Amino acid sequence: MKIIGIIKKISRNIKYYHDKKDEEDSINLVDSSDSNDNENIRIRNRLIRRISLSFIIRFLLLIPLSIYLFIILTPIKNIQSFIPNQLEKTKNFLIIVAHPDDECLFFSPTILGLIYRQKVGHILVFSTGNSNGLGAIREIELKQSCQRLGVNLSNCISLNLTDLQDNPKDWWPKEKISEIVEKYIKKFEIDLLITFDNGGISGHLNHRSLSIGIEYYIINSNKTPFIYEISTVSFLFEFSSIFDIFRTIIQFLPRLIRNLFSTIFPFLFSQPNDKRILFLNSPFQYIQGLKAFHAHRSQMLWYRHIYTTFSRHMFINDLTKISHN
């Protein structure tokens, strides 16, 4: 009897063990199924995020590029919103900069855009860039740069005055700048002048001095030509190349809207004024500006190559009028 009882007890234990194992396997199967579902959900979410990010990047790149191509490839680049009618009446323009190479690094879209419109170009550089003792070499390089930009060599002038030497720590006297500007405006019969704004694009004190000197000239003159200054932007936008066109066009949007309404309803709306100008370099003009910079062989430093590749000013010049005309 004892043996029979032992056998029954062993049988019950075996049955209990099998029942428990089946229950655990069932639970593990459910857990495994849930785990697979969760993993599939995580994979799908990651894929969606990657697709969304890829779409956003393409959108951010494609929209500015499309705007840029649309402007340079169509007659819209010449509308009143970008090129005021008053500008078409000018004949002789003067670009005022501080150092040799400023003309091509910062102003090539303006220079090439105006020459394309049959304006006579003049470039006045207020120093020879002699901070490292290369002034004589840089004067020669400037002439070569002007030639590549299409500016007559007799209209390309660099000064070498004691109180106007290349030095990033020096403010140049505004009275002296005003006096020189007035002299060359009369000499070349200038009716359009373009220079730096108060930010000087790079913040260089010599650049900023020119802005202050031009303002002093405007205040103390009875009559001035049209005078515009180039826009300084933040570091992020400065190195966004042609992709900064999206932000720039937003700034010109009120002018574009006014131009549209003045075309449809000319009896109700006047055309945009002459307060803003936009010049864009085409890819071919960009290469021309790049060749002009390559004339400055003494300045071919590694960081200049980065600048000429990514700087917006190699492609975009937006100008603001500061004269009283």
Protein backbone atom coordinates (compact mmCIF):
# COMPACT_ATOMS: atom_id res chain seq x y z
CA MET A 1 0.00 0.00 0.00
CA LYS A 2 2.84 2.31 0.80
CA ILE A 3 4.32 1.65 -2.64
CA ILE A 4 0.98 2.48 -4.33
CA GLY A 5 0.75 5.74 -2.33
CA ILE A 6 4.28 6.72 -3.37
CA ILE A 7 3.48 6.02 -7.04
CA LYS A 8 0.32 8.19 -6.89
CA LYS A 9 2.26 11.01 -5.25
CA ILE A 10 4.94 10.87 -7.97
CA SER A 11 2.22 10.89 -10.66
CA ARG A 12 0.57 13.97 -9.15
CA ASN A 13 3.90 15.79 -9.00
CA ILE A 14 4.67 14.98 -12.63
CA LYS A 15 1.22 16.23 -13.70
CA TYR A 16 1.66 19.41 -11.65
CA TYR A 17 5.08 19.99 -13.23
CA HIS A 18 3.71 19.54 -16.77
CA ASP A 19 0.71 21.80 -16.09
CA LYS A 20 2.98 24.54 -14.68
CA LYS A 21 5.39 24.25 -17.60
CA ASP A 22 2.53 24.57 -20.11
CA GLU A 23 1.30 27.66 -18.28
CA GLU A 24 4.77 29.25 -18.31
CA ASP A 25 5.23 28.45 -22.02
CA SER A 26 1.89 30.10 -22.73
CA ILE A 27 2.92 33.20 -20.79
CA ASN A 28 6.32 33.31 -22.55
CA LEU A 29 4.60 32.98 -25.92
CA VAL A 30 2.36 35.96 -25.16
CA ASP A 31 5.32 37.97 -23.87
CA SER A 32 7.35 37.06 -26.93
CA SER A 33 4.50 38.12 -29.20
CA ASP A 34 4.18 41.46 -27.35
CA SER A 35 7.93 41.95 -27.52
CA ASN A 36 7.95 41.38 -31.27
CA ASP A 37 5.08 43.82 -31.72
CA ASN A 38 6.89 46.46 -29.66
CA GLU A 39 10.09 45.95 -31.63
CA ASN A 40 8.18 46.32 -34.91
CA ILE A 41 6.59 49.53 -33.63
CA ARG A 42 10.03 50.91 -32.63
CA ILE A 43 11.49 50.05 -36.03
CA ARG A 44 8.54 51.69 -37.80
CA ASN A 45 8.83 54.84 -35.70
CA ARG A 46 12.56 55.10 -36.39
CA LEU A 47 11.91 54.72 -40.12
CA ILE A 48 9.22 57.41 -40.03
CA ARG A 49 11.55 59.77 -38.18
CA ARG A 50 14.33 59.16 -40.69
CA ILE A 51 12.00 59.71 -43.64
CA SER A 52 10.64 62.91 -42.04
CA LEU A 53 14.15 64.22 -41.35
CA SER A 54 15.23 63.40 -44.90
CA PHE A 55 12.18 65.19 -46.29
CA ILE A 56 12.79 68.27 -44.14
CA ILE A 57 16.45 68.47 -45.21
CA ARG A 58 15.51 68.14 -48.88
CA PHE A 59 12.82 70.77 -48.44
CA LEU A 60 15.20 73.21 -46.75
CA LEU A 61 17.74 72.77 -49.53
CA LEU A 62 15.40 72.59 -52.51
CA ILE A 63 13.25 75.66 -51.78
CA PRO A 64 16.13 78.21 -51.59
CA LEU A 65 17.83 76.60 -54.58
CA SER A 66 14.60 76.81 -56.60
CA ILE A 67 14.14 80.48 -55.65
CA TYR A 68 17.73 81.26 -56.65
CA LEU A 69 17.44 79.52 -60.03
CA PHE A 70 14.06 81.10 -60.73
CA ILE A 71 15.45 84.60 -60.14
CA ILE A 72 18.68 84.29 -62.13
CA LEU A 73 17.07 82.43 -65.05
CA THR A 74 14.05 84.68 -65.56
CA PRO A 75 13.46 88.42 -66.16
CA ILE A 76 12.20 88.74 -62.58
CA LYS A 77 15.77 89.64 -61.55
CA ASN A 78 15.25 93.02 -63.24
CA ILE A 79 11.92 94.00 -61.70
CA GLN A 80 11.51 97.19 -59.69
CA SER A 81 11.46 95.23 -56.42
CA PHE A 82 15.09 94.24 -56.94
CA ILE A 83 16.50 96.87 -59.31
CA PRO A 84 14.80 100.27 -58.85
CA ASN A 85 14.15 102.32 -61.98
CA GLN A 86 16.24 105.14 -60.50
CA LEU A 87 19.27 102.89 -60.70
CA GLU A 88 18.86 102.48 -64.45
CA LYS A 89 19.40 106.23 -64.87
CA THR A 90 22.87 106.16 -63.29
CA LYS A 91 26.04 105.99 -65.41
CA ASN A 92 29.13 105.93 -63.21
CA PHE A 93 29.33 103.85 -60.04
CA LEU A 94 32.01 103.85 -57.34
CA ILE A 95 32.76 100.95 -54.99
CA ILE A 96 34.55 102.15 -51.86
CA VAL A 97 36.48 99.50 -49.89
CA ALA A 98 39.31 99.37 -47.36
CA HIS A 99 41.76 96.78 -48.70
CA PRO A 100 42.70 95.06 -51.96
CA ASP A 101 40.53 91.90 -52.33
CA ASP A 102 37.51 93.50 -50.57
CA GLU A 103 36.13 94.34 -54.00
CA CYS A 104 35.81 90.68 -55.07
CA LEU A 105 35.22 89.00 -51.69
CA PHE A 106 32.27 91.23 -50.79
CA PHE A 107 31.06 93.22 -53.81
CA SER A 108 31.42 91.03 -56.91
CA PRO A 109 27.62 90.54 -57.38
CA THR A 110 27.16 94.33 -57.32
CA ILE A 111 30.11 95.10 -59.61
CA LEU A 112 29.22 92.43 -62.16
CA GLY A 113 25.51 93.27 -61.98
CA LEU A 114 26.13 96.95 -62.70
CA ILE A 115 28.65 96.31 -65.48
CA TYR A 116 26.14 93.91 -67.06
CA ARG A 117 23.76 96.90 -67.11
CA GLN A 118 26.33 98.98 -69.02
CA LYS A 119 27.41 101.12 -66.05
CA VAL A 120 30.99 102.39 -65.87
CA GLY A 121 32.77 100.93 -62.85
CA HIS A 122 35.22 102.63 -60.49
CA ILE A 123 36.88 101.07 -57.45
CA LEU A 124 38.52 103.14 -54.74
CA VAL A 125 40.56 101.20 -52.15
CA PHE A 126 41.57 103.28 -49.13
CA SER A 127 44.78 101.37 -48.41
CA THR A 128 47.28 99.10 -50.13
CA GLY A 129 46.79 96.41 -47.48
CA ASN A 130 50.35 96.84 -46.24
CA SER A 131 49.90 95.40 -42.72
CA ASN A 132 52.30 92.54 -43.57
CA GLY A 133 54.60 94.59 -45.81
CA LEU A 134 52.95 93.37 -49.03
CA GLY A 135 51.43 96.69 -50.10
CA ALA A 136 53.30 96.99 -53.39
CA ILE A 137 52.39 93.42 -54.37
CA ARG A 138 48.76 93.88 -53.40
CA GLU A 139 48.47 97.01 -55.52
CA ILE A 140 49.46 94.98 -58.59
CA GLU A 141 47.06 92.19 -57.62
CA LEU A 142 44.24 94.72 -57.28
CA LYS A 143 44.75 95.84 -60.88
CA GLN A 144 44.55 92.24 -62.08
CA SER A 145 41.38 91.69 -60.04
CA CYS A 146 39.76 94.83 -61.49
CA GLN A 147 40.62 93.63 -64.98
CA ARG A 148 38.92 90.28 -64.35
CA LEU A 149 35.84 92.05 -62.99
CA GLY A 150 35.61 94.23 -66.10
CA VAL A 151 36.68 97.51 -64.49
CA ASN A 152 39.00 99.75 -66.48
CA LEU A 153 42.46 99.87 -64.88
CA SER A 154 42.50 103.69 -64.90
CA ASN A 155 39.36 103.55 -62.73
CA CYS A 156 40.91 101.20 -60.17
CA ILE A 157 42.74 103.18 -57.47
CA SER A 158 44.40 102.26 -54.17
CA LEU A 159 45.58 104.93 -51.73
CA ASN A 160 48.66 104.87 -49.53
CA LEU A 161 48.21 107.60 -46.93
CA THR A 162 49.89 107.80 -43.55
CA ASP A 163 46.67 108.02 -41.52
CA LEU A 164 44.83 105.41 -43.61
CA GLN A 165 46.95 102.29 -43.22
CA ASP A 166 45.71 98.71 -43.01
CA ASN A 167 45.27 97.93 -39.32
CA PRO A 168 42.34 95.97 -37.82
CA LYS A 169 42.73 97.88 -34.54
CA ASP A 170 42.60 101.39 -36.01
CA TRP A 171 39.63 103.65 -36.68
CA TRP A 172 40.29 105.85 -39.68
CA PRO A 173 39.43 109.59 -39.37
CA LYS A 174 35.95 110.23 -40.76
CA GLU A 175 36.85 113.75 -41.88
CA LYS A 176 39.68 112.45 -44.06
CA ILE A 177 37.44 109.77 -45.57
CA SER A 178 34.74 112.33 -46.34
CA GLU A 179 37.26 114.64 -48.02
CA ILE A 180 38.64 111.87 -50.23
CA VAL A 181 35.19 110.55 -51.16
CA GLU A 182 34.06 114.00 -52.25
CA LYS A 183 37.20 114.41 -54.36
CA TYR A 184 36.71 111.19 -56.32
CA ILE A 185 32.96 111.66 -56.72
CA LYS A 186 33.69 114.92 -58.53
CA LYS A 187 36.64 113.51 -60.46
CA PHE A 188 34.73 110.55 -61.92
CA GLU A 189 31.28 112.22 -62.00
CA ILE A 190 29.90 109.49 -59.77
CA ASP A 191 26.11 109.18 -59.50
CA LEU A 192 26.03 105.86 -57.59
CA LEU A 193 28.25 104.97 -54.61
CA ILE A 194 28.34 101.65 -52.71
CA THR A 195 30.28 100.79 -49.56
CA PHE A 196 30.17 98.85 -46.27
CA ASP A 197 27.51 99.29 -43.62
CA ASN A 198 28.39 99.91 -39.98
CA GLY A 199 29.01 96.20 -39.40
CA GLY A 200 31.67 96.09 -42.09
CA ILE A 201 30.62 92.50 -42.97
CA SER A 202 33.61 91.07 -41.08
CA GLY A 203 33.64 93.67 -38.29
CA HIS A 204 37.05 95.00 -39.41
CA LEU A 205 37.49 98.52 -37.98
CA ASN A 206 38.81 99.86 -41.29
CA HIS A 207 35.62 98.65 -43.03
CA ARG A 208 33.45 100.22 -40.36
CA SER A 209 35.43 103.46 -40.56
CA LEU A 210 34.40 103.83 -44.20
CA SER A 211 30.74 103.57 -43.24
CA ILE A 212 31.14 106.29 -40.63
CA GLY A 213 33.14 108.45 -43.05
CA ILE A 214 30.43 108.16 -45.73
CA GLU A 215 27.75 109.10 -43.21
CA TYR A 216 29.83 112.15 -42.28
CA TYR A 217 30.10 113.03 -45.98
CA ILE A 218 26.31 112.80 -46.42
CA ILE A 219 25.63 115.03 -43.41
CA ASN A 220 28.06 117.70 -44.61
CA SER A 221 27.12 117.73 -48.31
CA ASN A 222 24.36 119.66 -49.99
CA LYS A 223 24.01 117.13 -52.76
CA THR A 224 25.16 113.53 -52.95
CA PRO A 225 24.89 110.75 -55.49
CA PHE A 226 22.77 107.71 -54.73
CA ILE A 227 24.59 105.98 -51.86
CA TYR A 228 23.97 102.40 -50.78
CA GLU A 229 25.55 100.19 -48.14
CA ILE A 230 25.91 96.42 -48.22
CA SER A 231 24.23 94.36 -45.49
CA THR A 232 26.15 92.66 -42.71
CA VAL A 233 24.54 89.44 -41.49
CA SER A 234 25.21 87.03 -38.63
CA PHE A 235 27.91 84.37 -38.88
CA LEU A 236 25.35 81.61 -39.53
CA PHE A 237 23.81 83.41 -42.52
CA GLU A 238 27.14 84.72 -43.79
CA PHE A 239 28.30 81.17 -44.47
CA SER A 240 25.04 79.81 -45.90
CA SER A 241 26.00 80.66 -49.50
CA ILE A 242 23.05 80.83 -51.93
CA PHE A 243 20.76 79.20 -49.36
CA ASP A 244 20.48 82.56 -47.61
CA ILE A 245 18.35 83.67 -50.56
CA PHE A 246 15.26 82.35 -48.76
CA ARG A 247 15.74 84.69 -45.79
CA THR A 248 16.71 87.56 -48.11
CA ILE A 249 13.61 87.16 -50.29
CA ILE A 250 11.41 87.25 -47.18
CA GLN A 251 12.90 90.68 -46.44
CA PHE A 252 12.06 91.78 -50.00
CA LEU A 253 8.54 90.31 -49.83
CA PRO A 254 6.75 93.64 -49.13
CA ARG A 255 8.47 95.12 -52.19
CA LEU A 256 7.45 92.13 -54.31
CA ILE A 257 3.84 92.45 -53.19
CA ARG A 258 3.83 96.18 -53.89
CA ASN A 259 5.33 95.56 -57.32
CA LEU A 260 2.56 93.03 -58.09
CA PHE A 261 -0.23 95.38 -57.02
CA SER A 262 1.31 98.35 -58.83
CA THR A 263 1.32 96.26 -62.02
CA ILE A 264 -2.30 95.13 -61.65
CA PHE A 265 -3.67 98.37 -60.22
CA PRO A 266 -1.29 101.14 -61.34
CA PHE A 267 -3.89 103.80 -60.55
CA LEU A 268 -4.01 102.71 -56.90
CA PHE A 269 -0.46 101.62 -56.06
CA SER A 270 2.91 103.15 -56.87
CA GLN A 271 5.94 101.03 -57.64
CA PRO A 272 8.44 100.12 -54.91
CA ASN A 273 10.84 102.91 -53.97
CA ASP A 274 14.62 102.89 -54.41
CA LYS A 275 15.45 101.99 -50.80
CA ARG A 276 16.62 98.44 -51.52
CA ILE A 277 18.61 96.70 -54.26
CA LEU A 278 19.29 93.00 -54.76
CA PHE A 279 22.09 91.64 -56.95
CA LEU A 280 22.64 87.91 -57.46
CA ASN A 281 25.62 86.27 -59.09
CA SER A 282 24.83 83.50 -61.53
CA PRO A 283 27.14 80.45 -61.36
CA PHE A 284 29.16 81.94 -64.23
CA GLN A 285 29.44 85.29 -62.45
CA TYR A 286 30.45 83.50 -59.26
CA ILE A 287 33.33 81.88 -61.17
CA GLN A 288 34.27 85.31 -62.56
CA GLY A 289 34.33 86.74 -59.01
CA LEU A 290 36.38 83.75 -57.88
CA LYS A 291 38.90 84.34 -60.66
CA ALA A 292 39.15 87.96 -59.54
CA PHE A 293 40.01 86.81 -56.03
CA HIS A 294 42.60 84.38 -57.38
CA ALA A 295 44.41 87.42 -58.77
CA HIS A 296 45.22 88.23 -55.13
CA ARG A 297 47.84 85.49 -54.89
CA SER A 298 49.38 86.88 -51.72
CA GLN A 299 46.03 86.39 -49.95
CA MET A 300 45.43 82.78 -50.99
CA LEU A 301 45.28 81.44 -47.43
CA TRP A 302 43.37 78.27 -46.48
CA TYR A 303 40.52 80.07 -44.72
CA ARG A 304 39.94 82.31 -47.75
CA HIS A 305 39.09 79.21 -49.78
CA ILE A 306 36.46 78.34 -47.17
CA TYR A 307 35.11 81.88 -47.37
CA THR A 308 34.86 81.97 -51.17
CA THR A 309 33.07 78.61 -51.13
CA PHE A 310 30.46 79.31 -48.46
CA SER A 311 30.09 83.10 -48.18
CA ARG A 312 26.72 84.54 -49.20
CA HIS A 313 28.49 87.69 -50.44
CA MET A 314 30.04 85.73 -53.28
CA PHE A 315 26.47 85.21 -54.53
CA ILE A 316 24.17 87.74 -52.83
CA ASN A 317 24.44 91.50 -52.34
CA ASP A 318 21.44 93.22 -50.78
CA LEU A 319 21.93 96.95 -50.52
CA THR A 320 20.15 99.66 -48.53
CA LYS A 321 20.03 103.31 -49.54
CA ILE A 322 21.47 105.78 -47.01
CA SER A 323 21.72 109.04 -49.02
CA HIS A 324 19.09 111.79 -48.88
CA ASN A 325 18.23 111.73 -52.60
